[in-house]
Amino acid sequence: MGKSTDEAKRALTGAGFEVEVKKPFLFPRDKVESQSVAGGEQAAKGSKITIRLESAL
């Protein structure tokens, strides 16, 4: 969390995950607000991680 979209995608794909990016409907910012797997949790290699971007509102 707190990383740019590109930074987060590089880190996750480099670790062997698929990445889906969810953007807010209005005024998305290029900063990750949350992800589908919390830090410290484990996910199966190759699984899809969803990252959500912050809204500027």
C-alpha atoms as a PDB file:
ATOM      1  CA  MET A   1       0.000   0.000   0.000  1.00  0.00           C
ATOM      2  CA  GLY A   2       1.096   3.569  -0.632  1.00  0.00           C
ATOM      3  CA  LYS A   3       3.032   2.619  -3.774  1.00  0.00           C
ATOM      4  CA  SER A   4       2.304   3.801  -7.288  1.00  0.00           C
ATOM      5  CA  THR A   5       0.420   1.462  -9.603  1.00  0.00           C
ATOM      6  CA  ASP A   6       3.587   0.589 -11.539  1.00  0.00           C
ATOM      7  CA  GLU A   7       5.625  -0.082  -8.382  1.00  0.00           C
ATOM      8  CA  ALA A   8       2.937  -2.350  -6.953  1.00  0.00           C
ATOM      9  CA  LYS A   9       2.440  -4.224 -10.234  1.00  0.00           C
ATOM     10  CA  ARG A  10       6.192  -4.790 -10.648  1.00  0.00           C
ATOM     11  CA  ALA A  11       6.555  -6.099  -7.094  1.00  0.00           C
ATOM     12  CA  LEU A  12       3.553  -8.420  -7.354  1.00  0.00           C
ATOM     13  CA  THR A  13       4.265  -9.786 -10.838  1.00  0.00           C
ATOM     14  CA  GLY A  14       7.900 -10.246  -9.847  1.00  0.00           C
ATOM     15  CA  ALA A  15       6.691 -12.396  -6.948  1.00  0.00           C
ATOM     16  CA  GLY A  16       4.652 -14.539  -9.369  1.00  0.00           C
ATOM     17  CA  PHE A  17       1.160 -13.064  -8.994  1.00  0.00           C
ATOM     18  CA  GLU A  18      -1.397 -11.789 -11.475  1.00  0.00           C
ATOM     19  CA  VAL A  19      -2.506  -8.225 -10.760  1.00  0.00           C
ATOM     20  CA  GLU A  20      -5.907  -6.615 -11.225  1.00  0.00           C
ATOM     21  CA  VAL A  21      -6.197  -2.854 -10.715  1.00  0.00           C
ATOM     22  CA  LYS A  22      -9.478  -1.358  -9.477  1.00  0.00           C
ATOM     23  CA  LYS A  23      -9.850   2.390  -9.927  1.00  0.00           C
ATOM     24  CA  PRO A  24     -12.447   4.590  -8.240  1.00  0.00           C
ATOM     25  CA  PHE A  25     -15.116   5.922 -10.571  1.00  0.00           C
ATOM     26  CA  LEU A  26     -14.088   9.562 -10.112  1.00  0.00           C
ATOM     27  CA  PHE A  27     -10.609  11.066  -9.867  1.00  0.00           C
ATOM     28  CA  PRO A  28      -8.340   8.067  -9.315  1.00  0.00           C
ATOM     29  CA  ARG A  29      -4.900   8.790  -7.887  1.00  0.00           C
ATOM     30  CA  ASP A  30      -1.790   6.785  -8.719  1.00  0.00           C
ATOM     31  CA  LYS A  31      -1.450   5.464  -5.177  1.00  0.00           C
ATOM     32  CA  VAL A  32      -2.474   2.036  -3.886  1.00  0.00           C
ATOM     33  CA  GLU A  33      -5.042   2.309  -1.096  1.00  0.00           C
ATOM     34  CA  SER A  34      -5.597  -1.402  -0.404  1.00  0.00           C
ATOM     35  CA  GLN A  35      -5.029  -4.890  -1.735  1.00  0.00           C
ATOM     36  CA  SER A  36      -6.997  -8.115  -1.632  1.00  0.00           C
ATOM     37  CA  VAL A  37      -4.333  -9.910   0.430  1.00  0.00           C
ATOM     38  CA  ALA A  38      -3.158  -8.101   3.552  1.00  0.00           C
ATOM     39  CA  GLY A  39       0.538  -7.643   4.230  1.00  0.00           C
ATOM     40  CA  GLY A  40       1.959 -10.670   5.999  1.00  0.00           C
ATOM     41  CA  GLU A  41      -0.717 -13.001   4.585  1.00  0.00           C
ATOM     42  CA  GLN A  42       0.239 -15.640   2.064  1.00  0.00           C
ATOM     43  CA  ALA A  43      -1.355 -16.297  -1.297  1.00  0.00           C
ATOM     44  CA  ALA A  44      -0.727 -19.136  -3.714  1.00  0.00           C
ATOM     45  CA  LYS A  45       1.828 -18.345  -6.401  1.00  0.00           C
ATOM     46  CA  GLY A  46       0.060 -17.449  -9.637  1.00  0.00           C
ATOM     47  CA  SER A  47      -3.092 -16.258  -7.872  1.00  0.00           C
ATOM     48  CA  LYS A  48      -4.683 -12.904  -8.667  1.00  0.00           C
ATOM     49  CA  ILE A  49      -4.106  -9.976  -6.305  1.00  0.00           C
ATOM     50  CA  THR A  50      -6.448  -7.002  -6.639  1.00  0.00           C
ATOM     51  CA  ILE A  51      -5.110  -3.568  -5.791  1.00  0.00           C
ATOM     52  CA  ARG A  52      -7.415  -0.585  -5.298  1.00  0.00           C
ATOM     53  CA  LEU A  53      -6.333   2.956  -6.029  1.00  0.00           C
ATOM     54  CA  GLU A  54      -7.133   5.985  -3.896  1.00  0.00           C
ATOM     55  CA  SER A  55      -9.623   8.594  -4.954  1.00  0.00           C
ATOM     56  CA  ALA A  56      -8.624  12.256  -5.007  1.00  0.00           C
ATOM     57  CA  LEU A  57     -11.978  13.143  -3.425  1.00  0.00           C
END
